[in-house]
Amino acid sequence: MNQEYFMRLALEAAKKGDALYGAVIVKDNEVVAAAYNTVNRDSDPSAHAEVNVIRNLTTQLKNPSLEGYSIYTTGEPCPMCATACVWTGISEIIYGASIQDLISINQAQVNISCEEVIAKSFRKIKVTKGILKNECLQLFA
């Protein structure tokens, strides 16, 4: 299984959400959690796909640490979601469409990259960009 495979699963999750963002968390080449945006249905502005998948997995594990895990997201994590990744200790963030890509198609975004958030934090998190970028942007077509 490769990065495209896991991103396709995030794309499928995104289609179930209020806003078309999806996320999966992977460890040892296996998906351990998937989620999507539920801001409207939960009346919760923090219910982004990344926060939801992190909440689901850390609750299931009964452990706030996700060191050794990777998160795949259809859109670059916003500053809130990137910070959630920092606090959990996620090892890698892999995303499709960047914040700049999303802004260019009129998606509301806070214009601070996840790399900027990570750089100002106490963690080193690997970031891989642009996996199935066009497919991720097609969610909003």
C-alpha atoms as a PDB file:
ATOM      1  CA  MET A   1       0.000   0.000   0.000  1.00  0.00           C
ATOM      2  CA  ASN A   2       1.223   3.458  -0.842  1.00  0.00           C
ATOM      3  CA  GLN A   3       0.402   7.082  -0.082  1.00  0.00           C
ATOM      4  CA  GLU A   4      -2.111   7.280  -2.938  1.00  0.00           C
ATOM      5  CA  TYR A   5      -4.028   4.314  -1.504  1.00  0.00           C
ATOM      6  CA  PHE A   6      -4.394   5.968   1.909  1.00  0.00           C
ATOM      7  CA  MET A   7      -5.293   9.335   0.353  1.00  0.00           C
ATOM      8  CA  ARG A   8      -8.048   7.643  -1.637  1.00  0.00           C
ATOM      9  CA  LEU A   9      -9.505   6.430   1.663  1.00  0.00           C
ATOM     10  CA  ALA A  10      -9.380  10.011   2.982  1.00  0.00           C
ATOM     11  CA  LEU A  11     -11.164  11.140  -0.204  1.00  0.00           C
ATOM     12  CA  GLU A  12     -13.911   8.567   0.391  1.00  0.00           C
ATOM     13  CA  ALA A  13     -14.296   9.735   3.987  1.00  0.00           C
ATOM     14  CA  ALA A  14     -14.509  13.364   2.838  1.00  0.00           C
ATOM     15  CA  LYS A  15     -17.616  12.615   0.783  1.00  0.00           C
ATOM     16  CA  LYS A  16     -19.520  11.803   4.006  1.00  0.00           C
ATOM     17  CA  GLY A  17     -18.806  15.155   5.645  1.00  0.00           C
ATOM     18  CA  ASP A  18     -20.512  18.512   6.008  1.00  0.00           C
ATOM     19  CA  ALA A  19     -17.574  20.148   4.261  1.00  0.00           C
ATOM     20  CA  LEU A  20     -15.623  17.951   1.880  1.00  0.00           C
ATOM     21  CA  TYR A  21     -12.578  17.210   4.020  1.00  0.00           C
ATOM     22  CA  GLY A  22     -11.507  13.734   5.101  1.00  0.00           C
ATOM     23  CA  ALA A  23      -8.698  12.225   7.154  1.00  0.00           C
ATOM     24  CA  VAL A  24      -7.297   8.800   7.954  1.00  0.00           C
ATOM     25  CA  ILE A  25      -4.646   7.816  10.473  1.00  0.00           C
ATOM     26  CA  VAL A  26      -2.233   5.034   9.577  1.00  0.00           C
ATOM     27  CA  LYS A  27       0.208   3.004  11.635  1.00  0.00           C
ATOM     28  CA  ASP A  28       2.369   0.145  10.347  1.00  0.00           C
ATOM     29  CA  ASN A  29       0.802   0.456   6.875  1.00  0.00           C
ATOM     30  CA  GLU A  30      -2.715  -0.070   8.256  1.00  0.00           C
ATOM     31  CA  VAL A  31      -5.599   2.392   8.613  1.00  0.00           C
ATOM     32  CA  VAL A  32      -6.538   2.628  12.281  1.00  0.00           C
ATOM     33  CA  ALA A  33      -9.079   5.483  12.097  1.00  0.00           C
ATOM     34  CA  ALA A  34     -10.987   7.567   9.546  1.00  0.00           C
ATOM     35  CA  ALA A  35     -13.182  10.651   9.903  1.00  0.00           C
ATOM     36  CA  TYR A  36     -14.654  13.630   8.099  1.00  0.00           C
ATOM     37  CA  ASN A  37     -15.847  17.153   8.802  1.00  0.00           C
ATOM     38  CA  THR A  38     -18.936  17.342  11.071  1.00  0.00           C
ATOM     39  CA  VAL A  39     -18.941  21.067  11.906  1.00  0.00           C
ATOM     40  CA  ASN A  40     -22.596  21.603  10.956  1.00  0.00           C
ATOM     41  CA  ARG A  41     -24.136  18.376  12.209  1.00  0.00           C
ATOM     42  CA  ASP A  42     -22.321  18.676  15.550  1.00  0.00           C
ATOM     43  CA  SER A  43     -22.663  22.484  15.812  1.00  0.00           C
ATOM     44  CA  ASP A  44     -18.956  22.374  16.656  1.00  0.00           C
ATOM     45  CA  PRO A  45     -16.557  24.687  14.800  1.00  0.00           C
ATOM     46  CA  SER A  46     -13.634  22.473  15.867  1.00  0.00           C
ATOM     47  CA  ALA A  47     -15.098  19.307  14.285  1.00  0.00           C
ATOM     48  CA  HIS A  48     -12.732  19.302  11.315  1.00  0.00           C
ATOM     49  CA  ALA A  49     -11.804  15.920   9.820  1.00  0.00           C
ATOM     50  CA  GLU A  50      -8.351  15.940  11.441  1.00  0.00           C
ATOM     51  CA  VAL A  51      -9.622  16.830  14.907  1.00  0.00           C
ATOM     52  CA  ASN A  52     -12.392  14.230  14.630  1.00  0.00           C
ATOM     53  CA  VAL A  53     -10.047  11.428  13.583  1.00  0.00           C
ATOM     54  CA  ILE A  54      -7.552  12.353  16.332  1.00  0.00           C
ATOM     55  CA  ARG A  55     -10.336  12.475  18.973  1.00  0.00           C
ATOM     56  CA  ASN A  56     -11.718   9.133  17.818  1.00  0.00           C
ATOM     57  CA  LEU A  57      -8.366   7.355  17.896  1.00  0.00           C
ATOM     58  CA  THR A  58      -7.001   8.826  21.132  1.00  0.00           C
ATOM     59  CA  THR A  59     -10.307   7.992  22.855  1.00  0.00           C
ATOM     60  CA  GLN A  60     -10.168   4.451  21.506  1.00  0.00           C
ATOM     61  CA  LEU A  61      -6.523   4.071  22.599  1.00  0.00           C
ATOM     62  CA  LYS A  62      -7.135   5.874  25.911  1.00  0.00           C
ATOM     63  CA  ASN A  63      -3.876   7.682  25.198  1.00  0.00           C
ATOM     64  CA  PRO A  64      -3.340  11.263  23.955  1.00  0.00           C
ATOM     65  CA  SER A  65      -0.082  10.321  22.185  1.00  0.00           C
ATOM     66  CA  LEU A  66      -0.046   9.359  18.516  1.00  0.00           C
ATOM     67  CA  GLU A  67       3.716   9.122  18.131  1.00  0.00           C
ATOM     68  CA  GLY A  68       4.534   6.733  15.310  1.00  0.00           C
ATOM     69  CA  TYR A  69       1.274   7.432  13.466  1.00  0.00           C
ATOM     70  CA  SER A  70       0.728   9.253  10.156  1.00  0.00           C
ATOM     71  CA  ILE A  71      -2.298  11.340   9.213  1.00  0.00           C
ATOM     72  CA  TYR A  72      -3.553  11.647   5.626  1.00  0.00           C
ATOM     73  CA  THR A  73      -5.791  14.630   4.920  1.00  0.00           C
ATOM     74  CA  THR A  74      -7.481  15.796   1.749  1.00  0.00           C
ATOM     75  CA  GLY A  75      -6.690  19.415   2.627  1.00  0.00           C
ATOM     76  CA  GLU A  76      -3.658  20.836   4.368  1.00  0.00           C
ATOM     77  CA  PRO A  77      -4.367  20.990   8.101  1.00  0.00           C
ATOM     78  CA  CYS A  78      -5.461  24.453   9.204  1.00  0.00           C
ATOM     79  CA  PRO A  79      -3.590  26.035  12.133  1.00  0.00           C
ATOM     80  CA  MET A  80      -6.022  24.442  14.639  1.00  0.00           C
ATOM     81  CA  CYS A  81      -5.640  20.983  13.118  1.00  0.00           C
ATOM     82  CA  ALA A  82      -1.874  21.317  12.698  1.00  0.00           C
ATOM     83  CA  THR A  83      -1.650  22.263  16.377  1.00  0.00           C
ATOM     84  CA  ALA A  84      -3.721  19.199  17.309  1.00  0.00           C
ATOM     85  CA  CYS A  85      -1.160  17.119  15.385  1.00  0.00           C
ATOM     86  CA  VAL A  86       1.636  18.796  17.336  1.00  0.00           C
ATOM     87  CA  TRP A  87      -0.020  18.103  20.694  1.00  0.00           C
ATOM     88  CA  THR A  88      -0.553  14.418  19.847  1.00  0.00           C
ATOM     89  CA  GLY A  89       2.973  13.926  18.546  1.00  0.00           C
ATOM     90  CA  ILE A  90       1.861  12.570  15.169  1.00  0.00           C
ATOM     91  CA  SER A  91       4.975  11.651  13.203  1.00  0.00           C
ATOM     92  CA  GLU A  92       3.899  12.621   9.693  1.00  0.00           C
ATOM     93  CA  ILE A  93       1.255  14.733   7.960  1.00  0.00           C
ATOM     94  CA  ILE A  94       0.447  13.837   4.353  1.00  0.00           C
ATOM     95  CA  TYR A  95      -1.997  16.090   2.521  1.00  0.00           C
ATOM     96  CA  GLY A  96      -3.482  16.612  -0.916  1.00  0.00           C
ATOM     97  CA  ALA A  97      -4.543  20.217  -1.526  1.00  0.00           C
ATOM     98  CA  SER A  98      -2.600  23.022   0.153  1.00  0.00           C
ATOM     99  CA  ILE A  99      -4.169  25.960   1.970  1.00  0.00           C
ATOM    100  CA  GLN A 100      -3.104  28.110  -1.000  1.00  0.00           C
ATOM    101  CA  ASP A 101      -4.792  25.681  -3.435  1.00  0.00           C
ATOM    102  CA  LEU A 102      -7.978  25.849  -1.379  1.00  0.00           C
ATOM    103  CA  ILE A 103      -7.897  29.652  -1.162  1.00  0.00           C
ATOM    104  CA  SER A 104      -7.510  29.771  -4.962  1.00  0.00           C
ATOM    105  CA  ILE A 105     -10.869  27.971  -5.348  1.00  0.00           C
ATOM    106  CA  ASN A 106     -12.590  30.207  -2.781  1.00  0.00           C
ATOM    107  CA  GLN A 107     -12.541  27.833   0.182  1.00  0.00           C
ATOM    108  CA  ALA A 108     -12.422  29.695   3.504  1.00  0.00           C
ATOM    109  CA  GLN A 109      -8.994  29.170   5.074  1.00  0.00           C
ATOM    110  CA  VAL A 110      -6.690  30.703   7.661  1.00  0.00           C
ATOM    111  CA  ASN A 111      -3.610  31.516   5.583  1.00  0.00           C
ATOM    112  CA  ILE A 112      -0.969  29.939   7.829  1.00  0.00           C
ATOM    113  CA  SER A 113       0.657  26.729   6.601  1.00  0.00           C
ATOM    114  CA  CYS A 114       0.910  23.648   8.762  1.00  0.00           C
ATOM    115  CA  GLU A 115       4.682  23.864   8.287  1.00  0.00           C
ATOM    116  CA  GLU A 116       4.672  27.330   9.886  1.00  0.00           C
ATOM    117  CA  VAL A 117       2.766  25.973  12.893  1.00  0.00           C
ATOM    118  CA  ILE A 118       5.153  23.018  13.210  1.00  0.00           C
ATOM    119  CA  ALA A 119       8.234  25.256  12.852  1.00  0.00           C
ATOM    120  CA  LYS A 120       7.080  27.327  15.836  1.00  0.00           C
ATOM    121  CA  SER A 121       6.348  24.249  17.933  1.00  0.00           C
ATOM    122  CA  PHE A 122       8.463  21.868  19.955  1.00  0.00           C
ATOM    123  CA  ARG A 123       7.983  18.933  17.543  1.00  0.00           C
ATOM    124  CA  LYS A 124       9.539  17.777  14.327  1.00  0.00           C
ATOM    125  CA  ILE A 125       6.766  16.442  12.103  1.00  0.00           C
ATOM    126  CA  LYS A 126       7.471  15.305   8.566  1.00  0.00           C
ATOM    127  CA  VAL A 127       5.140  16.924   6.008  1.00  0.00           C
ATOM    128  CA  THR A 128       4.441  15.439   2.574  1.00  0.00           C
ATOM    129  CA  LYS A 129       2.423  17.615   0.189  1.00  0.00           C
ATOM    130  CA  GLY A 130       0.360  17.245  -2.943  1.00  0.00           C
ATOM    131  CA  ILE A 131      -0.647  13.574  -2.821  1.00  0.00           C
ATOM    132  CA  LEU A 132      -3.613  13.256  -5.235  1.00  0.00           C
ATOM    133  CA  LYS A 133      -3.886  17.050  -5.152  1.00  0.00           C
ATOM    134  CA  ASN A 134      -6.136  17.271  -8.208  1.00  0.00           C
ATOM    135  CA  GLU A 135      -8.520  14.612  -6.884  1.00  0.00           C
ATOM    136  CA  CYS A 136      -8.690  16.452  -3.552  1.00  0.00           C
ATOM    137  CA  LEU A 137      -9.492  19.737  -5.305  1.00  0.00           C
ATOM    138  CA  GLN A 138     -12.147  17.982  -7.409  1.00  0.00           C
ATOM    139  CA  LEU A 139     -14.170  17.478  -4.215  1.00  0.00           C
ATOM    140  CA  PHE A 140     -15.059  21.176  -4.456  1.00  0.00           C
ATOM    141  CA  ALA A 141     -15.786  21.322  -8.211  1.00  0.00           C
END
